[in-house]
Amino acid sequence: MSWGGNANWATILTSYAGTAKNAIYFQQTLNESPSKSIESTRELFEAADATSVITEMRVFQSVAPDADTQATCTANGYPWYQCNHLAFNGEQRFVNRWIPSAIEFMARQGVK
């Protein structure tokens, strides 16, 4: 989300992803990127996937922040994509969408 519109972050994160030594789980909604695409996350996934580590990427449906999250975003001047990111990671109705796959991924890697 935060690196989608920033070439420096994209280069740095992609470089680090390409040297990963541990399993990596990527996730994103369809509407939490400044570019309105999943390409920034896909680039990181592909860099990590080219290594010998286990990688997984999940893309979830778009989200719409509830009134409380939107009010927080508006009060703090957050852009729309950051507000969507906050909703996806903070509102229980959206967390319920992704938490099972994240827990499952961690369990397959031996994390208890």
N, C-alpha and C. Protein backbone atom coordinates (compact mmCIF):
# COMPACT_ATOMS: atom_id res chain seq x y z
N MET A 1 0.82 -1.18 0.00
CA MET A 1 0.00 0.00 0.00
C MET A 1 0.86 1.25 0.00
N SER A 2 1.82 1.33 0.91
CA SER A 2 2.58 2.57 1.06
C SER A 2 3.63 2.76 -0.03
N TRP A 3 4.02 1.71 -0.69
CA TRP A 3 5.08 1.84 -1.68
C TRP A 3 4.56 1.86 -3.10
N GLY A 4 3.28 1.68 -3.30
CA GLY A 4 2.72 1.59 -4.64
C GLY A 4 3.01 2.78 -5.54
N GLY A 5 3.13 3.97 -4.97
CA GLY A 5 3.39 5.14 -5.78
C GLY A 5 4.79 5.70 -5.59
N ASN A 6 5.68 4.94 -4.98
CA ASN A 6 7.00 5.44 -4.67
C ASN A 6 8.07 4.51 -5.24
N ALA A 7 8.76 4.95 -6.27
CA ALA A 7 9.76 4.11 -6.95
C ALA A 7 10.90 3.70 -6.02
N ASN A 8 11.32 4.58 -5.12
CA ASN A 8 12.41 4.23 -4.20
C ASN A 8 12.02 3.08 -3.28
N TRP A 9 10.84 3.17 -2.68
CA TRP A 9 10.38 2.08 -1.82
C TRP A 9 10.23 0.79 -2.61
N ALA A 10 9.67 0.89 -3.79
CA ALA A 10 9.48 -0.31 -4.62
C ALA A 10 10.81 -0.99 -4.89
N THR A 11 11.83 -0.22 -5.21
CA THR A 11 13.16 -0.79 -5.50
C THR A 11 13.75 -1.43 -4.26
N ILE A 12 13.69 -0.74 -3.14
CA ILE A 12 14.25 -1.26 -1.90
C ILE A 12 13.53 -2.52 -1.45
N LEU A 13 12.21 -2.47 -1.41
CA LEU A 13 11.45 -3.63 -0.94
C LEU A 13 11.58 -4.82 -1.88
N THR A 14 11.59 -4.58 -3.17
CA THR A 14 11.75 -5.67 -4.13
C THR A 14 13.13 -6.30 -3.98
N SER A 15 14.14 -5.47 -3.76
CA SER A 15 15.49 -5.98 -3.54
C SER A 15 15.54 -6.87 -2.30
N TYR A 16 14.95 -6.41 -1.20
CA TYR A 16 14.93 -7.22 0.02
C TYR A 16 14.11 -8.49 -0.16
N ALA A 17 12.99 -8.39 -0.84
CA ALA A 17 12.17 -9.58 -1.06
C ALA A 17 12.94 -10.63 -1.85
N GLY A 18 13.79 -10.17 -2.77
CA GLY A 18 14.59 -11.08 -3.58
C GLY A 18 15.70 -11.77 -2.83
N THR A 19 15.95 -11.36 -1.59
CA THR A 19 16.98 -12.01 -0.76
C THR A 19 16.37 -12.69 0.47
N ALA A 20 15.08 -12.92 0.42
CA ALA A 20 14.37 -13.49 1.56
C ALA A 20 14.94 -14.84 1.95
N LYS A 21 14.97 -15.08 3.24
CA LYS A 21 15.47 -16.35 3.76
C LYS A 21 14.38 -17.10 4.54
N ASN A 22 13.25 -16.45 4.75
CA ASN A 22 12.13 -17.05 5.47
C ASN A 22 10.87 -16.93 4.62
N ALA A 23 9.91 -17.76 4.92
CA ALA A 23 8.64 -17.73 4.21
C ALA A 23 8.01 -16.34 4.30
N ILE A 24 7.34 -15.95 3.22
CA ILE A 24 6.71 -14.63 3.18
C ILE A 24 5.28 -14.78 2.67
N TYR A 25 4.36 -14.14 3.37
CA TYR A 25 2.94 -14.12 3.02
C TYR A 25 2.58 -12.68 2.65
N PHE A 26 2.11 -12.48 1.43
CA PHE A 26 1.68 -11.17 0.96
C PHE A 26 0.16 -11.17 0.84
N GLN A 27 -0.45 -10.06 1.19
CA GLN A 27 -1.89 -9.94 0.99
C GLN A 27 -2.23 -8.48 0.69
N GLN A 28 -3.31 -8.33 -0.04
CA GLN A 28 -3.74 -6.99 -0.44
C GLN A 28 -5.18 -7.07 -0.91
N THR A 29 -5.90 -5.94 -0.77
CA THR A 29 -7.22 -5.85 -1.39
C THR A 29 -7.05 -5.23 -2.76
N LEU A 30 -8.10 -5.29 -3.54
CA LEU A 30 -8.04 -4.72 -4.89
C LEU A 30 -8.02 -3.20 -4.87
N ASN A 31 -8.38 -2.58 -3.73
CA ASN A 31 -8.46 -1.11 -3.72
C ASN A 31 -7.65 -0.46 -2.59
N GLU A 32 -6.49 -1.01 -2.27
CA GLU A 32 -5.66 -0.36 -1.24
C GLU A 32 -4.30 0.05 -1.77
N SER A 33 -4.22 0.31 -3.05
CA SER A 33 -2.96 0.74 -3.66
C SER A 33 -3.18 2.05 -4.40
N PRO A 34 -2.24 2.98 -4.30
CA PRO A 34 -2.37 4.24 -5.03
C PRO A 34 -2.48 4.03 -6.53
N SER A 35 -1.92 2.94 -7.03
CA SER A 35 -1.97 2.66 -8.47
C SER A 35 -3.25 1.97 -8.87
N LYS A 36 -4.10 1.65 -7.90
CA LYS A 36 -5.37 0.95 -8.13
C LYS A 36 -5.14 -0.40 -8.81
N SER A 37 -4.02 -1.03 -8.47
CA SER A 37 -3.72 -2.36 -9.01
C SER A 37 -2.96 -3.15 -7.95
N ILE A 38 -2.74 -4.42 -8.23
CA ILE A 38 -1.98 -5.25 -7.30
C ILE A 38 -0.53 -5.38 -7.73
N GLU A 39 -0.11 -4.61 -8.71
CA GLU A 39 1.24 -4.77 -9.27
C GLU A 39 2.36 -4.53 -8.27
N SER A 40 2.21 -3.57 -7.37
CA SER A 40 3.28 -3.31 -6.41
C SER A 40 3.49 -4.53 -5.50
N THR A 41 2.40 -5.16 -5.10
CA THR A 41 2.52 -6.36 -4.28
C THR A 41 3.00 -7.53 -5.13
N ARG A 42 2.52 -7.64 -6.35
CA ARG A 42 2.93 -8.73 -7.23
C ARG A 42 4.44 -8.68 -7.49
N GLU A 43 5.00 -7.49 -7.66
CA GLU A 43 6.45 -7.37 -7.88
C GLU A 43 7.23 -7.92 -6.69
N LEU A 44 6.78 -7.60 -5.48
CA LEU A 44 7.45 -8.13 -4.28
C LEU A 44 7.29 -9.64 -4.21
N PHE A 45 6.10 -10.12 -4.48
CA PHE A 45 5.85 -11.56 -4.45
C PHE A 45 6.75 -12.27 -5.44
N GLU A 46 6.82 -11.77 -6.66
CA GLU A 46 7.63 -12.43 -7.69
C GLU A 46 9.11 -12.42 -7.34
N ALA A 47 9.59 -11.34 -6.73
CA ALA A 47 10.99 -11.28 -6.31
C ALA A 47 11.27 -12.32 -5.24
N ALA A 48 10.37 -12.43 -4.26
CA ALA A 48 10.55 -13.42 -3.20
C ALA A 48 10.35 -14.83 -3.74
N ASP A 49 9.39 -15.00 -4.64
CA ASP A 49 9.09 -16.31 -5.18
C ASP A 49 10.25 -16.87 -6.01
N ALA A 50 11.08 -15.98 -6.52
CA ALA A 50 12.25 -16.41 -7.31
C ALA A 50 13.35 -16.99 -6.42
N THR A 51 13.22 -16.80 -5.12
CA THR A 51 14.18 -17.37 -4.17
C THR A 51 13.72 -18.78 -3.82
N SER A 52 14.40 -19.40 -2.90
CA SER A 52 14.01 -20.75 -2.50
C SER A 52 13.04 -20.76 -1.32
N VAL A 53 12.58 -19.59 -0.89
CA VAL A 53 11.65 -19.54 0.24
C VAL A 53 10.21 -19.78 -0.23
N ILE A 54 9.40 -20.18 0.70
CA ILE A 54 7.99 -20.39 0.42
C ILE A 54 7.31 -19.03 0.39
N THR A 55 6.57 -18.75 -0.66
CA THR A 55 5.86 -17.47 -0.77
C THR A 55 4.41 -17.75 -1.12
N GLU A 56 3.58 -16.88 -0.65
CA GLU A 56 2.16 -16.98 -0.98
C GLU A 56 1.60 -15.57 -1.08
N MET A 57 0.71 -15.37 -2.03
CA MET A 57 0.07 -14.07 -2.20
C MET A 57 -1.43 -14.28 -2.29
N ARG A 58 -2.15 -13.52 -1.52
CA ARG A 58 -3.61 -13.55 -1.55
C ARG A 58 -4.12 -12.15 -1.88
N VAL A 59 -5.09 -12.10 -2.78
CA VAL A 59 -5.73 -10.84 -3.14
C VAL A 59 -7.19 -10.95 -2.74
N PHE A 60 -7.66 -9.95 -2.01
CA PHE A 60 -9.01 -9.95 -1.50
C PHE A 60 -9.85 -8.88 -2.19
N GLN A 61 -11.16 -9.05 -2.12
CA GLN A 61 -12.08 -8.09 -2.72
C GLN A 61 -11.87 -6.71 -2.11
N SER A 62 -12.30 -5.70 -2.85
CA SER A 62 -12.22 -4.32 -2.38
C SER A 62 -12.98 -4.14 -1.07
N VAL A 63 -12.55 -3.15 -0.31
CA VAL A 63 -13.20 -2.82 0.95
C VAL A 63 -13.71 -1.39 0.91
N ALA A 64 -14.66 -1.10 1.78
CA ALA A 64 -15.16 0.26 1.98
C ALA A 64 -15.15 0.52 3.48
N PRO A 65 -14.40 1.50 3.92
CA PRO A 65 -14.30 1.79 5.36
C PRO A 65 -15.66 2.13 5.97
N ASP A 66 -15.85 1.72 7.23
CA ASP A 66 -17.07 2.11 7.92
C ASP A 66 -16.96 3.59 8.30
N ALA A 67 -18.02 4.13 8.87
CA ALA A 67 -18.07 5.57 9.18
C ALA A 67 -16.98 5.97 10.17
N ASP A 68 -16.70 5.13 11.16
CA ASP A 68 -15.67 5.47 12.15
C ASP A 68 -14.28 5.51 11.52
N THR A 69 -13.97 4.51 10.71
CA THR A 69 -12.66 4.49 10.05
C THR A 69 -12.54 5.67 9.10
N GLN A 70 -13.59 5.95 8.35
CA GLN A 70 -13.56 7.08 7.42
C GLN A 70 -13.37 8.39 8.15
N ALA A 71 -14.02 8.55 9.30
CA ALA A 71 -13.87 9.78 10.09
C ALA A 71 -12.43 9.93 10.57
N THR A 72 -11.82 8.83 11.00
CA THR A 72 -10.41 8.86 11.42
C THR A 72 -9.52 9.26 10.26
N CYS A 73 -9.77 8.68 9.11
CA CYS A 73 -8.97 9.00 7.92
C CYS A 73 -9.12 10.48 7.54
N THR A 74 -10.33 10.94 7.55
CA THR A 74 -10.59 12.34 7.19
C THR A 74 -9.91 13.28 8.19
N ALA A 75 -10.04 12.98 9.47
CA ALA A 75 -9.44 13.82 10.51
C ALA A 75 -7.92 13.86 10.40
N ASN A 76 -7.32 12.77 9.93
CA ASN A 76 -5.86 12.70 9.82
C ASN A 76 -5.34 13.01 8.42
N GLY A 77 -6.23 13.28 7.50
CA GLY A 77 -5.81 13.61 6.14
C GLY A 77 -5.25 12.44 5.35
N TYR A 78 -5.65 11.20 5.71
CA TYR A 78 -5.15 10.03 5.01
C TYR A 78 -5.77 9.93 3.62
N PRO A 79 -4.99 9.54 2.63
CA PRO A 79 -5.55 9.33 1.29
C PRO A 79 -6.48 8.11 1.28
N TRP A 80 -7.30 8.01 0.25
CA TRP A 80 -8.30 6.95 0.16
C TRP A 80 -7.70 5.56 0.27
N TYR A 81 -6.55 5.33 -0.37
CA TYR A 81 -5.97 3.99 -0.36
C TYR A 81 -5.46 3.61 1.03
N GLN A 82 -4.95 4.59 1.78
CA GLN A 82 -4.51 4.30 3.15
C GLN A 82 -5.72 4.03 4.04
N CYS A 83 -6.80 4.73 3.81
CA CYS A 83 -8.02 4.49 4.57
C CYS A 83 -8.55 3.08 4.29
N ASN A 84 -8.51 2.66 3.04
CA ASN A 84 -8.93 1.29 2.70
C ASN A 84 -8.03 0.27 3.38
N HIS A 85 -6.73 0.55 3.41
CA HIS A 85 -5.78 -0.33 4.07
C HIS A 85 -6.08 -0.44 5.56
N LEU A 86 -6.36 0.70 6.20
CA LEU A 86 -6.70 0.70 7.62
C LEU A 86 -7.97 -0.11 7.88
N ALA A 87 -8.95 0.04 7.01
CA ALA A 87 -10.19 -0.72 7.17
C ALA A 87 -9.93 -2.21 7.04
N PHE A 88 -9.17 -2.60 6.03
CA PHE A 88 -8.90 -4.01 5.77
C PHE A 88 -8.16 -4.66 6.94
N ASN A 89 -7.25 -3.92 7.55
CA ASN A 89 -6.44 -4.48 8.64
C ASN A 89 -6.99 -4.20 10.02
N GLY A 90 -8.00 -3.34 10.13
CA GLY A 90 -8.48 -2.97 11.44
C GLY A 90 -9.94 -3.23 11.74
N GLU A 91 -10.77 -3.28 10.72
CA GLU A 91 -12.19 -3.52 10.97
C GLU A 91 -12.44 -5.03 11.02
N GLN A 92 -13.10 -5.46 12.09
CA GLN A 92 -13.29 -6.89 12.32
C GLN A 92 -13.92 -7.61 11.14
N ARG A 93 -14.88 -6.98 10.47
CA ARG A 93 -15.54 -7.64 9.35
C ARG A 93 -14.57 -7.96 8.22
N PHE A 94 -13.53 -7.15 8.05
CA PHE A 94 -12.53 -7.43 7.02
C PHE A 94 -11.42 -8.35 7.54
N VAL A 95 -11.05 -8.16 8.79
CA VAL A 95 -10.03 -9.04 9.39
C VAL A 95 -10.52 -10.48 9.32
N ASN A 96 -11.82 -10.69 9.53
CA ASN A 96 -12.38 -12.04 9.46
C ASN A 96 -12.20 -12.66 8.07
N ARG A 97 -12.03 -11.84 7.06
CA ARG A 97 -11.80 -12.35 5.70
C ARG A 97 -10.40 -12.93 5.55
N TRP A 98 -9.40 -12.22 6.10
CA TRP A 98 -8.02 -12.62 5.80
C TRP A 98 -7.31 -13.39 6.91
N ILE A 99 -7.75 -13.24 8.13
CA ILE A 99 -7.00 -13.86 9.23
C ILE A 99 -6.91 -15.39 9.10
N PRO A 100 -7.96 -16.08 8.64
CA PRO A 100 -7.81 -17.53 8.52
C PRO A 100 -6.68 -17.95 7.56
N SER A 101 -6.53 -17.25 6.45
CA SER A 101 -5.48 -17.64 5.50
C SER A 101 -4.09 -17.29 6.04
N ALA A 102 -3.98 -16.19 6.78
CA ALA A 102 -2.69 -15.84 7.38
C ALA A 102 -2.30 -16.85 8.46
N ILE A 103 -3.26 -17.24 9.28
CA ILE A 103 -2.99 -18.23 10.33
C ILE A 103 -2.64 -19.58 9.70
N GLU A 104 -3.36 -19.95 8.67
CA GLU A 104 -3.07 -21.21 7.98
C GLU A 104 -1.66 -21.20 7.40
N PHE A 105 -1.27 -20.10 6.78
CA PHE A 105 0.07 -19.98 6.22
C PHE A 105 1.11 -20.13 7.32
N MET A 106 0.93 -19.43 8.42
CA MET A 106 1.88 -19.52 9.52
C MET A 106 1.95 -20.94 10.09
N ALA A 107 0.82 -21.58 10.22
CA ALA A 107 0.78 -22.95 10.74
C ALA A 107 1.57 -23.90 9.82
N ARG A 108 1.44 -23.71 8.52
CA ARG A 108 2.20 -24.57 7.58
C ARG A 108 3.70 -24.33 7.71
N GLN A 109 4.10 -23.17 8.25
CA GLN A 109 5.52 -22.87 8.41
C GLN A 109 6.01 -23.25 9.81
N GLY A 110 5.13 -23.84 10.61
CA GLY A 110 5.53 -24.28 11.93
C GLY A 110 5.35 -23.25 13.02
N VAL A 111 4.70 -22.13 12.73
CA VAL A 111 4.44 -21.11 13.73
C VAL A 111 3.21 -21.51 14.51
N LYS A 112 3.31 -21.47 15.83
CA LYS A 112 2.16 -21.87 16.67
C LYS A 112 1.55 -20.67 17.33
